[in-house]
Structures are given as structure tokens and as C-alpha cells.
Amino acid sequence: MKIVSNMLENIEGIQIYYIIGLLIFFTLFVVMFVRTMKKPNNEMTEIKNSILIDTDSDELSTSEI
């Protein structure tokens, strides 16, 4: 690991890639947070309940037999 860190320290302008990566991560995090918060409550409730409702159990049980 020491070789990699030494090699990266010697490259000129490598810091910009760290900054760009951090900005991309932060931007995606903020966008996903805002989109989640803007969803209507009834849609979020529907998504939450759809996970609990198992509609495919009949298909799975007939295909296993």
C-alpha cells in the first residue's frame, strides 16, 4: 500500500480527482435525499406496504411442485 500512496503523491494534479469524486458523491447524495423527501406520503406508504404484501407466493408454490 505504501507504493501506491507514494506513487499517487508524486503525480501532479492528482488532488483534482479526489475533489471531483467527493463532489460527485455529495451531489448524488443530496439529489437522492431531496427526491426522497419530495415524494408524497401516500406514495411512500404504498411502497412500504408493497414490500409486506406477497402476491408472488402462489406462483412460486405452483412452480416448485
Protein backbone atom coordinates (compact mmCIF):
# COMPACT_ATOMS: atom_id res chain seq x y z
CA MET A 1 0.00 0.00 0.00
CA LYS A 2 2.96 2.27 0.62
CA ILE A 3 3.99 2.04 -3.06
CA VAL A 4 0.54 3.16 -4.21
CA SER A 5 0.41 6.11 -1.83
CA ASN A 6 3.94 7.19 -2.80
CA MET A 7 3.11 6.92 -6.48
CA LEU A 8 -0.09 8.97 -6.09
CA GLU A 9 1.74 11.66 -4.10
CA ASN A 10 4.23 12.12 -6.94
CA ILE A 11 1.60 12.70 -9.66
CA GLU A 12 0.96 16.37 -10.33
CA GLY A 13 -2.67 17.47 -10.16
CA ILE A 14 -4.00 14.21 -8.69
CA GLN A 15 -5.86 16.14 -5.99
CA ILE A 16 -8.46 17.30 -8.52
CA TYR A 17 -9.68 13.72 -8.92
CA TYR A 18 -10.26 13.43 -5.19
CA ILE A 19 -12.21 16.69 -5.21
CA ILE A 20 -14.27 15.66 -8.27
CA GLY A 21 -15.08 12.28 -6.73
CA LEU A 22 -16.17 13.90 -3.48
CA LEU A 23 -18.34 16.42 -5.33
CA ILE A 24 -20.00 13.69 -7.39
CA PHE A 25 -20.74 11.65 -4.26
CA PHE A 26 -22.07 14.65 -2.35
CA THR A 27 -24.21 15.80 -5.29
CA LEU A 28 -25.77 12.35 -5.76
CA PHE A 29 -26.43 12.08 -2.02
CA VAL A 30 -28.19 15.47 -1.95
CA VAL A 31 -30.23 14.70 -5.08
CA MET A 32 -31.41 11.35 -3.71
CA PHE A 33 -32.25 12.93 -0.34
CA VAL A 34 -34.28 15.74 -1.96
CA ARG A 35 -36.12 13.33 -4.27
CA THR A 36 -37.00 11.09 -1.33
CA MET A 37 -38.25 13.98 0.78
CA LYS A 38 -40.39 15.37 -2.07
CA LYS A 39 -42.28 12.10 -2.61
CA PRO A 40 -45.85 12.27 -1.35
CA ASN A 41 -46.58 10.43 1.87
CA ASN A 42 -49.24 8.22 0.30
CA GLU A 43 -46.75 7.02 -2.34
CA MET A 44 -44.18 6.22 0.35
CA THR A 45 -46.83 4.33 2.32
CA GLU A 46 -47.76 2.38 -0.81
CA ILE A 47 -44.12 1.43 -1.40
CA LYS A 48 -43.72 0.41 2.24
CA ASN A 49 -46.84 -1.77 2.15
CA SER A 50 -45.97 -3.35 -1.19
CA ILE A 51 -42.92 -4.94 0.40
CA LEU A 52 -45.10 -6.63 3.01
CA ILE A 53 -47.74 -7.92 0.57
CA ASP A 54 -46.65 -11.19 -1.01
CA THR A 55 -48.50 -11.60 -4.30
CA ASP A 56 -46.00 -13.97 -5.91
CA SER A 57 -46.31 -16.74 -3.33
CA ASP A 58 -48.92 -18.62 -5.42
CA GLU A 59 -46.70 -18.56 -8.48
CA LEU A 60 -43.72 -19.82 -6.53
CA SER A 61 -45.60 -22.65 -4.84
CA THR A 62 -47.05 -23.97 -8.12
CA SER A 63 -43.71 -23.80 -9.93
CA GLU A 64 -41.96 -25.76 -7.17
CA ILE A 65 -44.38 -28.71 -7.35
